[in-house]
């Protein structure tokens, strides 16, 4: 698996991430292993100093597509 991270800052102050997760980070943020393990790419957000995993994608292509859908027309101007 590639160690790729996508990051977008949205206009509402949310930061959206797509990245693989280290096993320890996975165990800290995923309750009851309900996402099937740490393999794959995770879509997460940070908003108001709260970090939350929103979804998991099995492949980088799927993760990029979800990221694109979530960020389309919602990116903050840089």
PDB file of N, CA and C in Angstrom:
ATOM      1  N   UNK A   1       0.848  -1.172   0.000  1.00  0.00           N
ATOM      2  CA  UNK A   1       0.000   0.000   0.000  1.00  0.00           C
ATOM      3  C   UNK A   1       0.895   1.236   0.000  1.00  0.00           C
ATOM      4  N   UNK A   2       0.545   2.181  -0.838  1.00  0.00           N
ATOM      5  CA  UNK A   2       1.290   3.433  -0.906  1.00  0.00           C
ATOM      6  C   UNK A   2       1.020   4.264   0.336  1.00  0.00           C
ATOM      7  N   UNK A   3       2.051   4.969   0.774  1.00  0.00           N
ATOM      8  CA  UNK A   3       1.911   5.851   1.925  1.00  0.00           C
ATOM      9  C   UNK A   3       1.551   7.247   1.416  1.00  0.00           C
ATOM     10  N   UNK A   4       0.320   7.402   0.961  1.00  0.00           N
ATOM     11  CA  UNK A   4      -0.155   8.644   0.355  1.00  0.00           C
ATOM     12  C   UNK A   4      -1.152   9.310   1.281  1.00  0.00           C
ATOM     13  N   UNK A   5      -1.030  10.618   1.399  1.00  0.00           N
ATOM     14  CA  UNK A   5      -1.991  11.381   2.180  1.00  0.00           C
ATOM     15  C   UNK A   5      -2.536  12.511   1.316  1.00  0.00           C
ATOM     16  N   UNK A   6      -3.845  12.625   1.275  1.00  0.00           N
ATOM     17  CA  UNK A   6      -4.511  13.748   0.618  1.00  0.00           C
ATOM     18  C   UNK A   6      -5.091  14.616   1.717  1.00  0.00           C
ATOM     19  N   UNK A   7      -4.954  15.928   1.593  1.00  0.00           N
ATOM     20  CA  UNK A   7      -5.448  16.858   2.603  1.00  0.00           C
ATOM     21  C   UNK A   7      -6.144  18.007   1.902  1.00  0.00           C
ATOM     22  N   UNK A   8      -7.324  18.385   2.419  1.00  0.00           N
ATOM     23  CA  UNK A   8      -8.042  19.548   1.898  1.00  0.00           C
ATOM     24  C   UNK A   8      -8.622  20.326   3.058  1.00  0.00           C
ATOM     25  N   UNK A   9      -8.461  21.642   3.006  1.00  0.00           N
ATOM     26  CA  UNK A   9      -9.093  22.526   3.987  1.00  0.00           C
ATOM     27  C   UNK A   9     -10.366  23.062   3.349  1.00  0.00           C
ATOM     28  N   UNK A  10     -11.489  22.800   3.993  1.00  0.00           N
ATOM     29  CA  UNK A  10     -12.783  23.208   3.459  1.00  0.00           C
ATOM     30  C   UNK A  10     -13.180  24.572   4.002  1.00  0.00           C
ATOM     31  N   UNK A  11     -14.112  25.224   3.323  1.00  0.00           N
ATOM     32  CA  UNK A  11     -14.502  26.581   3.688  1.00  0.00           C
ATOM     33  C   UNK A  11     -15.109  26.677   5.082  1.00  0.00           C
ATOM     34  N   UNK A  12     -15.658  25.601   5.609  1.00  0.00           N
ATOM     35  CA  UNK A  12     -16.276  25.649   6.941  1.00  0.00           C
ATOM     36  C   UNK A  12     -15.280  25.422   8.071  1.00  0.00           C
ATOM     37  N   UNK A  13     -13.978  25.360   7.748  1.00  0.00           N
ATOM     38  CA  UNK A  13     -12.956  25.162   8.771  1.00  0.00           C
ATOM     39  C   UNK A  13     -12.592  23.707   8.993  1.00  0.00           C
ATOM     40  N   UNK A  14     -13.242  22.802   8.309  1.00  0.00           N
ATOM     41  CA  UNK A  14     -12.946  21.377   8.406  1.00  0.00           C
ATOM     42  C   UNK A  14     -11.724  21.048   7.564  1.00  0.00           C
ATOM     43  N   UNK A  15     -10.873  20.172   8.074  1.00  0.00           N
ATOM     44  CA  UNK A  15      -9.777  19.626   7.276  1.00  0.00           C
ATOM     45  C   UNK A  15     -10.104  18.169   7.006  1.00  0.00           C
ATOM     46  N   UNK A  16     -10.055  17.787   5.739  1.00  0.00           N
ATOM     47  CA  UNK A  16     -10.375  16.437   5.312  1.00  0.00           C
ATOM     48  C   UNK A  16      -9.085  15.724   4.930  1.00  0.00           C
ATOM     49  N   UNK A  17      -8.942  14.470   5.365  1.00  0.00           N
ATOM     50  CA  UNK A  17      -7.749  13.682   5.102  1.00  0.00           C
ATOM     51  C   UNK A  17      -8.124  12.351   4.465  1.00  0.00           C
ATOM     52  N   UNK A  18      -7.241  11.849   3.599  1.00  0.00           N
ATOM     53  CA  UNK A  18      -7.297  10.470   3.133  1.00  0.00           C
ATOM     54  C   UNK A  18      -5.897   9.912   3.312  1.00  0.00           C
ATOM     55  N   UNK A  19      -5.794   8.812   4.048  1.00  0.00           N
ATOM     56  CA  UNK A  19      -4.484   8.265   4.359  1.00  0.00           C
ATOM     57  C   UNK A  19      -4.620   6.853   4.915  1.00  0.00           C
ATOM     58  N   UNK A  20      -3.571   6.033   4.748  1.00  0.00           N
ATOM     59  CA  UNK A  20      -3.547   4.792   5.520  1.00  0.00           C
ATOM     60  C   UNK A  20      -3.318   5.159   6.985  1.00  0.00           C
ATOM     61  N   UNK A  21      -3.699   4.271   7.891  1.00  0.00           N
ATOM     62  CA  UNK A  21      -3.504   4.525   9.319  1.00  0.00           C
ATOM     63  C   UNK A  21      -2.561   3.493   9.914  1.00  0.00           C
ATOM     64  N   UNK A  22      -1.734   3.941  10.813  1.00  0.00           N
ATOM     65  CA  UNK A  22      -0.884   3.044  11.583  1.00  0.00           C
ATOM     66  C   UNK A  22      -1.793   2.217  12.500  1.00  0.00           C
ATOM     67  N   UNK A  23      -1.403   0.999  12.801  1.00  0.00           N
ATOM     68  CA  UNK A  23      -2.216   0.119  13.652  1.00  0.00           C
ATOM     69  C   UNK A  23      -2.580   0.768  14.985  1.00  0.00           C
ATOM     70  N   UNK A  24      -1.635   1.475  15.607  1.00  0.00           N
ATOM     71  CA  UNK A  24      -1.908   2.101  16.898  1.00  0.00           C
ATOM     72  C   UNK A  24      -2.947   3.223  16.758  1.00  0.00           C
ATOM     73  N   UNK A  25      -2.827   4.042  15.723  1.00  0.00           N
ATOM     74  CA  UNK A  25      -3.800   5.111  15.490  1.00  0.00           C
ATOM     75  C   UNK A  25      -5.181   4.511  15.241  1.00  0.00           C
ATOM     76  N   UNK A  26      -5.218   3.434  14.461  1.00  0.00           N
ATOM     77  CA  UNK A  26      -6.486   2.751  14.192  1.00  0.00           C
ATOM     78  C   UNK A  26      -7.132   2.299  15.493  1.00  0.00           C
ATOM     79  N   UNK A  27      -6.361   1.684  16.371  1.00  0.00           N
ATOM     80  CA  UNK A  27      -6.946   1.173  17.619  1.00  0.00           C
ATOM     81  C   UNK A  27      -7.420   2.305  18.527  1.00  0.00           C
ATOM     82  N   UNK A  28      -6.810   3.491  18.419  1.00  0.00           N
ATOM     83  CA  UNK A  28      -7.229   4.631  19.239  1.00  0.00           C
ATOM     84  C   UNK A  28      -8.533   5.263  18.754  1.00  0.00           C
ATOM     85  N   UNK A  29      -8.759   5.272  17.443  1.00  0.00           N
ATOM     86  CA  UNK A  29      -9.889   6.023  16.882  1.00  0.00           C
ATOM     87  C   UNK A  29     -11.037   5.175  16.353  1.00  0.00           C
ATOM     88  N   UNK A  30     -10.855   3.871  16.256  1.00  0.00           N
ATOM     89  CA  UNK A  30     -11.920   3.006  15.743  1.00  0.00           C
ATOM     90  C   UNK A  30     -12.394   2.097  16.860  1.00  0.00           C
ATOM     91  N   UNK A  31     -13.618   2.294  17.275  1.00  0.00           N
ATOM     92  CA  UNK A  31     -14.174   1.492  18.354  1.00  0.00           C
ATOM     93  C   UNK A  31     -14.629   0.129  17.837  1.00  0.00           C
ATOM     94  N   UNK A  32     -14.351  -0.899  18.584  1.00  0.00           N
ATOM     95  CA  UNK A  32     -14.844  -2.258  18.339  1.00  0.00           C
ATOM     96  C   UNK A  32     -14.441  -2.803  16.978  1.00  0.00           C
ATOM     97  N   UNK A  33     -13.362  -2.280  16.374  1.00  0.00           N
ATOM     98  CA  UNK A  33     -12.863  -2.773  15.089  1.00  0.00           C
ATOM     99  C   UNK A  33     -13.978  -2.926  14.057  1.00  0.00           C
ATOM    100  N   UNK A  34     -14.877  -1.973  13.994  1.00  0.00           N
ATOM    101  CA  UNK A  34     -16.026  -2.074  13.097  1.00  0.00           C
ATOM    102  C   UNK A  34     -15.719  -1.709  11.646  1.00  0.00           C
ATOM    103  N   UNK A  35     -14.447  -1.420  11.318  1.00  0.00           N
ATOM    104  CA  UNK A  35     -14.077  -1.129   9.937  1.00  0.00           C
ATOM    105  C   UNK A  35     -13.221  -2.237   9.320  1.00  0.00           C
ATOM    106  N   UNK A  36     -13.056  -3.340  10.028  1.00  0.00           N
ATOM    107  CA  UNK A  36     -12.382  -4.491   9.453  1.00  0.00           C
ATOM    108  C   UNK A  36     -10.868  -4.448   9.422  1.00  0.00           C
ATOM    109  N   UNK A  37     -10.257  -3.705  10.308  1.00  0.00           N
ATOM    110  CA  UNK A  37      -8.806  -3.685  10.382  1.00  0.00           C
ATOM    111  C   UNK A  37      -8.195  -2.422   9.810  1.00  0.00           C
ATOM    112  N   UNK A  38      -6.883  -2.317   9.973  1.00  0.00           N
ATOM    113  CA  UNK A  38      -6.200  -1.080   9.610  1.00  0.00           C
ATOM    114  C   UNK A  38      -5.755  -1.011   8.150  1.00  0.00           C
ATOM    115  N   UNK A  39      -5.946  -2.081   7.382  1.00  0.00           N
ATOM    116  CA  UNK A  39      -5.561  -2.055   5.969  1.00  0.00           C
ATOM    117  C   UNK A  39      -6.568  -1.234   5.172  1.00  0.00           C
ATOM    118  N   UNK A  40      -6.084  -0.460   4.229  1.00  0.00           N
ATOM    119  CA  UNK A  40      -6.943   0.365   3.384  1.00  0.00           C
ATOM    120  C   UNK A  40      -6.651   1.833   3.592  1.00  0.00           C
ATOM    121  N   UNK A  41      -7.481   2.661   3.014  1.00  0.00           N
ATOM    122  CA  UNK A  41      -7.335   4.114   3.119  1.00  0.00           C
ATOM    123  C   UNK A  41      -8.523   4.675   3.883  1.00  0.00           C
ATOM    124  N   UNK A  42      -8.236   5.587   4.776  1.00  0.00           N
ATOM    125  CA  UNK A  42      -9.265   6.123   5.660  1.00  0.00           C
ATOM    126  C   UNK A  42      -9.561   7.568   5.309  1.00  0.00           C
ATOM    127  N   UNK A  43     -10.836   7.899   5.295  1.00  0.00           N
ATOM    128  CA  UNK A  43     -11.293   9.253   5.069  1.00  0.00           C
ATOM    129  C   UNK A  43     -11.645   9.792   6.452  1.00  0.00           C
ATOM    130  N   UNK A  44     -10.954  10.844   6.845  1.00  0.00           N
ATOM    131  CA  UNK A  44     -11.138  11.393   8.185  1.00  0.00           C
ATOM    132  C   UNK A  44     -11.276  12.903   8.101  1.00  0.00           C
ATOM    133  N   UNK A  45     -11.831  13.480   9.169  1.00  0.00           N
ATOM    134  CA  UNK A  45     -11.932  14.932   9.221  1.00  0.00           C
ATOM    135  C   UNK A  45     -11.504  15.424  10.588  1.00  0.00           C
ATOM    136  N   UNK A  46     -11.027  16.654  10.569  1.00  0.00           N
ATOM    137  CA  UNK A  46     -10.714  17.356  11.801  1.00  0.00           C
ATOM    138  C   UNK A  46     -11.526  18.643  11.767  1.00  0.00           C
ATOM    139  N   UNK A  47     -12.347  18.796  12.784  1.00  0.00           N
ATOM    140  CA  UNK A  47     -13.208  19.978  12.878  1.00  0.00           C
ATOM    141  C   UNK A  47     -13.350  20.336  14.345  1.00  0.00           C
ATOM    142  N   UNK A  48     -13.138  21.601  14.641  1.00  0.00           N
ATOM    143  CA  UNK A  48     -13.218  22.083  16.017  1.00  0.00           C
ATOM    144  C   UNK A  48     -12.342  21.249  16.947  1.00  0.00           C
ATOM    145  N   UNK A  49     -11.114  20.957  16.484  1.00  0.00           N
ATOM    146  CA  UNK A  49     -10.132  20.178  17.246  1.00  0.00           C
ATOM    147  C   UNK A  49     -10.584  18.759  17.571  1.00  0.00           C
ATOM    148  N   UNK A  50     -11.540  18.239  16.835  1.00  0.00           N
ATOM    149  CA  UNK A  50     -11.992  16.852  16.977  1.00  0.00           C
ATOM    150  C   UNK A  50     -11.618  16.077  15.717  1.00  0.00           C
ATOM    151  N   UNK A  51     -10.953  14.935  15.878  1.00  0.00           N
ATOM    152  CA  UNK A  51     -10.565  14.070  14.771  1.00  0.00           C
ATOM    153  C   UNK A  51     -11.540  12.906  14.717  1.00  0.00           C
ATOM    154  N   UNK A  52     -12.075  12.623  13.520  1.00  0.00           N
ATOM    155  CA  UNK A  52     -13.058  11.554  13.376  1.00  0.00           C
ATOM    156  C   UNK A  52     -12.854  10.827  12.056  1.00  0.00           C
ATOM    157  N   UNK A  53     -12.846   9.501  12.103  1.00  0.00           N
ATOM    158  CA  UNK A  53     -12.785   8.705  10.885  1.00  0.00           C
ATOM    159  C   UNK A  53     -14.201   8.583  10.343  1.00  0.00           C
ATOM    160  N   UNK A  54     -14.375   8.976   9.084  1.00  0.00           N
ATOM    161  CA  UNK A  54     -15.695   8.963   8.462  1.00  0.00           C
ATOM    162  C   UNK A  54     -15.963   7.690   7.675  1.00  0.00           C
ATOM    163  N   UNK A  55     -14.925   7.161   7.017  1.00  0.00           N
ATOM    164  CA  UNK A  55     -15.133   6.013   6.134  1.00  0.00           C
ATOM    165  C   UNK A  55     -13.797   5.347   5.835  1.00  0.00           C
ATOM    166  N   UNK A  56     -13.890   4.177   5.222  1.00  0.00           N
ATOM    167  CA  UNK A  56     -12.716   3.436   4.799  1.00  0.00           C
ATOM    168  C   UNK A  56     -12.905   3.020   3.347  1.00  0.00           C
ATOM    169  N   UNK A  57     -11.851   3.157   2.557  1.00  0.00           N
ATOM    170  CA  UNK A  57     -11.878   2.726   1.164  1.00  0.00           C
ATOM    171  C   UNK A  57     -10.840   1.620   0.979  1.00  0.00           C
ATOM    172  N   UNK A  58     -11.185   0.624   0.204  1.00  0.00           N
ATOM    173  CA  UNK A  58     -10.295  -0.522   0.026  1.00  0.00           C
ATOM    174  C   UNK A  58      -9.111  -0.226  -0.885  1.00  0.00           C
ATOM    175  N   UNK A  59      -9.248   0.759  -1.779  1.00  0.00           N
ATOM    176  CA  UNK A  59      -8.166   1.064  -2.713  1.00  0.00           C
ATOM    177  C   UNK A  59      -7.909   2.562  -2.760  1.00  0.00           C
ATOM    178  N   UNK A  60      -6.737   2.918  -3.258  1.00  0.00           N
ATOM    179  CA  UNK A  60      -6.401   4.329  -3.399  1.00  0.00           C
ATOM    180  C   UNK A  60      -7.319   5.013  -4.406  1.00  0.00           C
ATOM    181  N   UNK A  61      -7.653   4.334  -5.486  1.00  0.00           N
ATOM    182  CA  UNK A  61      -8.564   4.919  -6.478  1.00  0.00           C
ATOM    183  C   UNK A  61      -9.924   5.247  -5.870  1.00  0.00           C
ATOM    184  N   UNK A  62     -10.454   4.336  -5.069  1.00  0.00           N
ATOM    185  CA  UNK A  62     -11.748   4.585  -4.409  1.00  0.00           C
ATOM    186  C   UNK A  62     -11.629   5.738  -3.420  1.00  0.00           C
ATOM    187  N   UNK A  63     -10.536   5.780  -2.681  1.00  0.00           N
ATOM    188  CA  UNK A  63     -10.325   6.860  -1.713  1.00  0.00           C
ATOM    189  C   UNK A  63     -10.241   8.210  -2.412  1.00  0.00           C
ATOM    190  N   UNK A  64      -9.531   8.269  -3.530  1.00  0.00           N
ATOM    191  CA  UNK A  64      -9.433   9.525  -4.290  1.00  0.00           C
ATOM    192  C   UNK A  64     -10.799   9.971  -4.800  1.00  0.00           C
ATOM    193  N   UNK A  65     -11.602   9.031  -5.248  1.00  0.00           N
ATOM    194  CA  UNK A  65     -12.927   9.384  -5.755  1.00  0.00           C
ATOM    195  C   UNK A  65     -13.817   9.941  -4.642  1.00  0.00           C
ATOM    196  N   UNK A  66     -13.810   9.296  -3.481  1.00  0.00           N
ATOM    197  CA  UNK A  66     -14.591   9.785  -2.339  1.00  0.00           C
ATOM    198  C   UNK A  66     -14.092  11.166  -1.918  1.00  0.00           C
ATOM    199  N   UNK A  67     -12.778  11.332  -1.848  1.00  0.00           N
ATOM    200  CA  UNK A  67     -12.176  12.615  -1.493  1.00  0.00           C
ATOM    201  C   UNK A  67     -12.637  13.707  -2.467  1.00  0.00           C
ATOM    202  N   UNK A  68     -12.607  13.403  -3.743  1.00  0.00           N
ATOM    203  CA  UNK A  68     -13.043  14.362  -4.757  1.00  0.00           C
ATOM    204  C   UNK A  68     -14.497  14.742  -4.601  1.00  0.00           C
ATOM    205  N   UNK A  69     -15.346  13.781  -4.304  1.00  0.00           N
ATOM    206  CA  UNK A  69     -16.769  14.074  -4.122  1.00  0.00           C
ATOM    207  C   UNK A  69     -17.001  14.952  -2.892  1.00  0.00           C
ATOM    208  N   UNK A  70     -16.248  14.695  -1.833  1.00  0.00           N
ATOM    209  CA  UNK A  70     -16.424  15.467  -0.601  1.00  0.00           C
ATOM    210  C   UNK A  70     -15.866  16.880  -0.702  1.00  0.00           C
ATOM    211  N   UNK A  71     -14.870  17.070  -1.544  1.00  0.00           N
ATOM    212  CA  UNK A  71     -14.227  18.376  -1.618  1.00  0.00           C
ATOM    213  C   UNK A  71     -14.679  19.225  -2.800  1.00  0.00           C
ATOM    214  N   UNK A  72     -15.387  18.658  -3.733  1.00  0.00           N
ATOM    215  CA  UNK A  72     -15.822  19.415  -4.918  1.00  0.00           C
ATOM    216  C   UNK A  72     -16.572  20.659  -4.489  1.00  0.00           C
ATOM    217  N   UNK A  73     -16.111  21.792  -4.929  1.00  0.00           N
ATOM    218  CA  UNK A  73     -16.714  23.119  -4.683  1.00  0.00           C
ATOM    219  C   UNK A  73     -16.785  23.511  -3.211  1.00  0.00           C
ATOM    220  N   UNK A  74     -16.039  22.824  -2.339  1.00  0.00           N
ATOM    221  CA  UNK A  74     -16.049  23.161  -0.919  1.00  0.00           C
ATOM    222  C   UNK A  74     -14.667  23.535  -0.407  1.00  0.00           C
ATOM    223  N   UNK A  75     -13.694  23.693  -1.307  1.00  0.00           N
ATOM    224  CA  UNK A  75     -12.339  24.017  -0.885  1.00  0.00           C
ATOM    225  C   UNK A  75     -12.213  25.487  -0.525  1.00  0.00           C
ATOM    226  N   UNK A  76     -11.423  25.744   0.498  1.00  0.00           N
ATOM    227  CA  UNK A  76     -11.162  27.129   0.901  1.00  0.00           C
ATOM    228  C   UNK A  76     -10.156  27.737  -0.071  1.00  0.00           C
ATOM    229  N   UNK A  77     -10.267  29.010  -0.313  1.00  0.00           N
ATOM    230  CA  UNK A  77      -9.311  29.703  -1.172  1.00  0.00           C
ATOM    231  C   UNK A  77      -7.975  29.801  -0.456  1.00  0.00           C
ATOM    232  N   UNK A  78      -6.909  29.569  -1.184  1.00  0.00           N
ATOM    233  CA  UNK A  78      -5.564  29.624  -0.581  1.00  0.00           C
ATOM    234  C   UNK A  78      -4.852  30.884  -0.998  1.00  0.00           C
TER     235      UNK A  78
END
